[in-house]
Structures are given as C-alpha cells and as structure tokens.
Amino acid sequence: MGDSQSWAAVPSAAERARSVLAAAWSCAVTAEGGREEFVGAHSVSDDGRVLLHVPEESTLLATAVCAPRGEPSAVLEFADVAPVPVRSRIRTRLWMAGWFTADEEGHLAFRPTRVVLREPSGAVVVGLDDFAAATPDPLATAEARLLTHLADCHADAVERLTRLVDSDSLHGAVRVQPLAVDRHGLTLRIERARAHGDVRLAFHRPADDVGQLTERMHVLLTRAGAASCPRTLQRQRTDGDG
C-alpha cells in the first residue's frame, strides 16, 4: 500500500518514557538518606508526576520534608524489562531527577526537573513540556501479556514473521523472540550464538487498542505467508537445537 511507510515511525521519546512509567511495577529512589526500592508503591498523574506511597518508617519521608523546596533532591529509576526471556532483558531505563513534596495523606509527589531515557541506542534527554504533555502508548499496560502469549502459544507465527526480515539480519540466527510491541509495530529479538540484534516490523497503520492490534498482526502474518521461507533461520535452528 502507498501509505505503508508512513507508519514506520516509533513512538516519541516522551511517549516511550511515559509508557515505561505506565507499565513499571517497581522503582528505585536515591536521595540524601540513601537508596530505597519500592514495589507496587507508585502511581502516575496525567501530567507525569509520580505519586509514591511509602511506609511511615521510610527515611525518604524525612528527606522530602527537610529538602529545600524546588531543588533537585532525589533520582527515581525505572527499568523496562522484556516480559519474554531474551538476552539483555532490560530494554530501557528511565531516570528522573527532581524533588518531592508530601501531601496531607502522607504520600509523596515527585516533580521532575530532568528526564532521561536510556536505550541501547543511547541516552535521550526528554523535554519536560513534552513529557508532561505525552501519553503512554495505548498498548503499554497490556504489552507483557500480549508478548508472553505470542511467544508461548504462537511460536509458529513468530517464525513465520521472520519471512519479513531481511536475510542478512537472519544470518547465523538460532532463536527469534518477540521483544516489544507498541501501536506502531512489533520488534523481534534475533539471537545468534554470541550476539543479538533487533528488527522492527511496522504496522500498516497504528493500533489504538488490543482489537486493532489483532488485525494489524493478521496483516503482518498474511504478508509473511506470501513471502519466501527463511531457510537460513530454519537451518540454524535445527543445528542449534540438535
């Protein structure tokens, strides 16, 4: 189709950062009192502020109350971990520097002064206005379930999708796994004996929900069915599994 290339874009850095926040279950906080790990203790407001629910005995509460207002006093770190077992499972790290304020309920509200997204391709500083205005990818909170189901129940479909991958990218491949999915496309992790690489398969148009994602995947699989079989991958899989 003539518009197939127009949707090859990936989400913006601000959208990717907000997606990490939306899907993350834990975070690490480094402040003057030290470093603490919190699991299932944070939520995110519409403008990107992190609301942290900490135990009363946490030293972070005292640090937040005593810190000079408006000055960076803490760093929050979130790790985006691939839900499917692959090499180098941490896909992205999100760092946010800023300051806490305590609300009347004893919760901490974190206002970022600097947002940095670190991916395999390098680190990107996300503009604060862009970060506040961005929204998470609509598939972010469902991604783990979707990728796990694809890997566990539809390995044949994953292998069929490799027919859409350039043969040079498949040279020496021993395993291919779904690594990530967003509204614009699916990313496959291609593992070789001593290295790995990622290939992105773009959807013909964005998917705004799981129902639309199902249709976009069917289109990819139909295209893959009409493509030639990646014999290099099949031979390497057979040799590696034998």
Protein backbone atom coordinates (compact mmCIF):
# COMPACT_ATOMS: atom_id res chain seq x y z
CA MET A 1 0.00 0.00 0.00
CA GLY A 2 1.14 3.52 -0.67
CA ASP A 3 0.90 4.58 2.99
CA SER A 4 2.76 1.61 4.45
CA GLN A 5 5.98 3.54 5.04
CA SER A 6 4.26 6.49 6.73
CA TRP A 7 3.60 4.40 9.85
CA ALA A 8 7.15 3.07 10.22
CA ALA A 9 7.85 5.66 12.94
CA VAL A 10 8.36 4.67 16.56
CA PRO A 11 6.73 6.50 19.48
CA SER A 12 8.49 9.67 20.54
CA ALA A 13 10.98 9.66 23.41
CA ALA A 14 8.40 11.37 25.64
CA GLU A 15 5.79 8.73 24.78
CA ARG A 16 8.29 5.94 25.43
CA ALA A 17 9.17 7.47 28.80
CA ARG A 18 5.51 7.72 29.77
CA SER A 19 4.97 4.12 28.64
CA VAL A 20 7.79 2.94 30.92
CA LEU A 21 6.12 4.76 33.82
CA ALA A 22 2.70 3.32 32.99
CA ALA A 23 3.90 -0.29 32.87
CA ALA A 24 6.55 -0.27 35.62
CA TRP A 25 5.70 -2.09 38.84
CA SER A 26 8.74 -1.01 40.86
CA CYS A 27 11.12 1.90 41.17
CA ALA A 28 14.35 2.78 42.95
CA VAL A 29 14.74 6.11 44.72
CA THR A 30 18.14 7.62 45.51
CA ALA A 31 18.08 10.55 47.92
CA GLU A 32 20.21 12.02 50.68
CA GLY A 33 19.10 9.26 53.04
CA GLY A 34 20.33 6.52 50.69
CA ARG A 35 18.70 4.26 48.14
CA GLU A 36 15.37 2.50 48.59
CA GLU A 37 13.47 0.08 46.38
CA PHE A 38 9.67 0.32 46.22
CA VAL A 39 7.40 -2.33 44.68
CA GLY A 40 3.80 -1.57 43.76
CA ALA A 41 4.04 1.75 45.59
CA HIS A 42 3.74 4.37 42.86
CA SER A 43 1.13 5.78 40.54
CA VAL A 44 1.37 8.42 37.83
CA SER A 45 -0.74 11.53 37.35
CA ASP A 46 -1.91 12.71 33.94
CA ASP A 47 0.88 15.30 33.78
CA GLY A 48 3.62 12.77 34.60
CA ARG A 49 4.08 13.43 38.32
CA VAL A 50 4.97 10.28 40.23
CA LEU A 51 2.91 9.72 43.38
CA LEU A 52 4.80 7.50 45.80
CA HIS A 53 3.15 5.71 48.71
CA VAL A 54 5.92 4.95 51.19
CA PRO A 55 5.91 3.36 54.67
CA GLU A 56 5.97 5.72 57.63
CA GLU A 57 9.36 4.41 58.70
CA SER A 58 10.95 5.22 55.34
CA THR A 59 13.82 7.71 55.58
CA LEU A 60 12.59 9.16 52.31
CA LEU A 61 9.70 10.90 54.09
CA ALA A 62 12.02 12.87 56.35
CA THR A 63 14.35 13.65 53.45
CA ALA A 64 11.49 15.01 51.36
CA VAL A 65 10.11 17.21 54.12
CA CYS A 66 13.52 18.70 55.01
CA ALA A 67 14.81 19.26 51.47
CA PRO A 68 14.81 22.86 50.15
CA ARG A 69 11.66 23.42 48.13
CA GLY A 70 12.16 23.27 44.39
CA GLU A 71 15.71 21.98 44.45
CA PRO A 72 16.54 18.56 42.95
CA SER A 73 16.76 16.21 45.91
CA ALA A 74 16.14 12.74 44.53
CA VAL A 75 16.54 10.50 41.50
CA LEU A 76 13.94 7.93 40.50
CA GLU A 77 14.94 4.98 38.33
CA PHE A 78 12.60 2.68 36.44
CA ALA A 79 13.68 -0.38 34.45
CA ASP A 80 11.69 -1.60 31.47
CA VAL A 81 12.24 -5.37 31.43
CA ALA A 82 11.23 -7.54 28.48
CA PRO A 83 8.46 -9.94 29.56
CA VAL A 84 9.81 -12.70 27.28
CA PRO A 85 13.12 -14.38 28.26
CA VAL A 86 15.80 -12.94 25.98
CA ARG A 87 19.36 -11.78 26.31
CA SER A 88 19.79 -8.30 27.78
CA ARG A 89 16.23 -8.20 29.09
CA ILE A 90 16.35 -4.58 30.23
CA ARG A 91 15.09 -2.75 27.18
CA THR A 92 15.09 0.77 28.62
CA ARG A 93 15.99 2.63 31.80
CA LEU A 94 14.21 5.81 32.80
CA TRP A 95 15.86 8.28 35.18
CA MET A 96 14.02 11.25 36.66
CA ALA A 97 15.73 13.87 38.81
CA GLY A 98 13.56 16.22 40.83
CA TRP A 99 12.07 16.91 44.23
CA PHE A 100 9.39 15.53 46.49
CA THR A 101 6.60 17.21 48.39
CA ALA A 102 4.45 15.49 51.00
CA ASP A 103 0.68 15.77 50.70
CA GLU A 104 -1.85 15.77 53.51
CA GLU A 105 -2.23 11.99 53.32
CA GLY A 106 1.48 11.40 53.83
CA HIS A 107 2.11 10.44 50.21
CA LEU A 108 4.99 11.89 48.24
CA ALA A 109 4.52 13.73 44.95
CA PHE A 110 7.62 13.83 42.75
CA ARG A 111 8.07 16.74 40.34
CA PRO A 112 10.76 16.04 37.74
CA THR A 113 13.31 18.65 36.73
CA ARG A 114 15.15 16.33 34.33
CA VAL A 115 14.03 13.20 32.50
CA VAL A 116 16.50 10.88 30.75
CA LEU A 117 15.60 7.80 28.73
CA ARG A 118 18.46 5.34 28.19
CA GLU A 119 18.03 2.78 25.44
CA PRO A 120 20.51 0.50 23.63
CA SER A 121 20.97 3.23 21.03
CA GLY A 122 21.98 5.77 23.68
CA ALA A 123 20.59 8.25 26.20
CA VAL A 124 17.96 10.87 25.31
CA VAL A 125 17.04 13.88 27.43
CA VAL A 126 13.26 14.29 27.30
CA GLY A 127 11.90 17.83 27.38
CA LEU A 128 9.79 18.47 30.46
CA ASP A 129 6.93 20.04 28.50
CA ASP A 130 6.93 17.14 26.05
CA PHE A 131 7.00 14.67 28.94
CA ALA A 132 4.07 16.34 30.71
CA ALA A 133 2.00 16.51 27.51
CA ALA A 134 2.71 12.96 26.30
CA THR A 135 0.50 9.96 26.92
CA PRO A 136 1.60 6.33 27.29
CA ASP A 137 1.30 4.01 24.34
CA PRO A 138 -2.22 2.53 24.43
CA LEU A 139 -0.77 -1.00 24.50
CA ALA A 140 1.78 -0.32 27.26
CA THR A 141 -0.07 -1.94 30.15
CA ALA A 142 -1.15 -4.95 28.04
CA GLU A 143 2.22 -5.48 26.33
CA ALA A 144 3.59 -8.05 28.78
CA ARG A 145 0.53 -10.27 28.47
CA LEU A 146 0.42 -9.92 24.69
CA LEU A 147 4.09 -10.75 24.12
CA THR A 148 4.07 -13.67 26.56
CA HIS A 149 1.04 -15.15 24.81
CA LEU A 150 2.65 -14.69 21.41
CA ALA A 151 5.89 -16.37 22.50
CA ASP A 152 4.31 -19.22 24.47
CA CYS A 153 1.32 -20.07 22.29
CA HIS A 154 2.21 -18.89 18.79
CA ALA A 155 5.88 -19.70 18.22
CA ASP A 156 4.94 -20.78 14.70
CA ALA A 157 3.58 -17.31 13.99
CA VAL A 158 6.78 -15.71 15.27
CA GLU A 159 8.84 -17.91 12.96
CA ARG A 160 6.55 -17.09 10.06
CA LEU A 161 7.09 -13.36 10.70
CA THR A 162 10.81 -13.85 10.10
CA ARG A 163 9.94 -14.11 6.41
CA LEU A 164 9.50 -10.32 6.54
CA VAL A 165 13.05 -9.86 7.85
CA ASP A 166 15.97 -9.19 5.54
CA SER A 167 18.01 -12.36 5.05
CA ASP A 168 21.21 -10.60 6.16
CA SER A 169 19.65 -9.90 9.56
CA LEU A 170 18.85 -13.60 9.95
CA HIS A 171 22.34 -14.84 9.15
CA GLY A 172 23.50 -17.11 11.97
CA ALA A 173 20.24 -16.75 13.90
CA VAL A 174 19.49 -19.51 16.42
CA ARG A 175 16.38 -18.04 18.04
CA VAL A 176 13.85 -15.28 17.40
CA GLN A 177 11.57 -13.93 20.13
CA PRO A 178 9.05 -11.09 20.30
CA LEU A 179 10.77 -8.29 22.21
CA ALA A 180 8.35 -5.35 22.17
CA VAL A 181 5.11 -4.12 20.71
CA ASP A 182 3.55 -0.67 20.53
CA ARG A 183 0.83 0.93 18.48
CA HIS A 184 3.20 1.39 15.53
CA GLY A 185 4.83 -2.04 15.24
CA LEU A 186 6.32 -5.25 16.59
CA THR A 187 10.01 -5.67 17.43
CA LEU A 188 11.71 -9.07 17.18
CA ARG A 189 14.90 -10.01 19.02
CA ILE A 190 17.19 -12.11 16.78
CA GLU A 191 19.70 -14.09 18.81
CA ARG A 192 22.88 -15.58 17.38
CA ALA A 193 25.49 -17.75 19.05
CA ARG A 194 27.40 -14.80 20.55
CA ALA A 195 25.39 -11.72 19.66
CA HIS A 196 21.89 -10.45 19.07
CA GLY A 197 20.03 -7.73 17.18
CA ASP A 198 16.55 -6.32 16.89
CA VAL A 199 14.30 -5.90 13.85
CA ARG A 200 11.14 -3.83 13.78
CA LEU A 201 8.09 -4.81 11.73
CA ALA A 202 5.89 -1.76 11.18
CA PHE A 203 2.10 -1.99 11.10
CA HIS A 204 0.28 -0.57 8.09
CA ARG A 205 -1.48 1.85 10.45
CA PRO A 206 -1.37 2.45 14.22
CA ALA A 207 -3.29 0.21 16.62
CA ASP A 208 -5.13 2.07 19.36
CA ASP A 209 -6.32 -0.98 21.28
CA VAL A 210 -5.88 -4.75 21.51
CA GLY A 211 -8.63 -5.39 18.98
CA GLN A 212 -6.89 -3.26 16.37
CA LEU A 213 -3.57 -4.89 17.26
CA THR A 214 -5.05 -8.30 16.42
CA GLU A 215 -6.00 -7.03 12.96
CA ARG A 216 -2.55 -5.47 12.42
CA MET A 217 -0.88 -8.76 13.36
CA HIS A 218 -3.11 -10.66 10.93
CA VAL A 219 -1.99 -8.30 8.16
CA LEU A 220 1.66 -8.94 9.00
CA LEU A 221 1.11 -12.69 9.05
CA THR A 222 -0.69 -12.55 5.70
CA ARG A 223 2.26 -10.66 4.22
CA ALA A 224 4.63 -13.20 5.77
CA GLY A 225 2.65 -16.08 4.29
CA ALA A 226 3.20 -14.68 0.83
CA ALA A 227 6.95 -14.22 1.39
CA SER A 228 9.70 -16.76 0.81
CA CYS A 229 10.76 -19.09 3.62
CA PRO A 230 13.87 -18.03 5.60
CA ARG A 231 15.90 -21.22 5.10
CA THR A 232 18.95 -19.77 6.88
CA LEU A 233 16.99 -19.43 10.11
CA GLN A 234 15.50 -22.92 9.80
CA ARG A 235 18.92 -24.49 9.29
CA GLN A 236 20.46 -22.62 12.21
CA ARG A 237 17.54 -23.51 14.49
CA THR A 238 17.87 -27.18 13.59
CA ASP A 239 21.63 -27.19 14.14
CA GLY A 240 21.38 -25.26 17.39
CA ASP A 241 18.60 -27.41 18.85
CA GLY A 242 20.14 -30.71 17.89
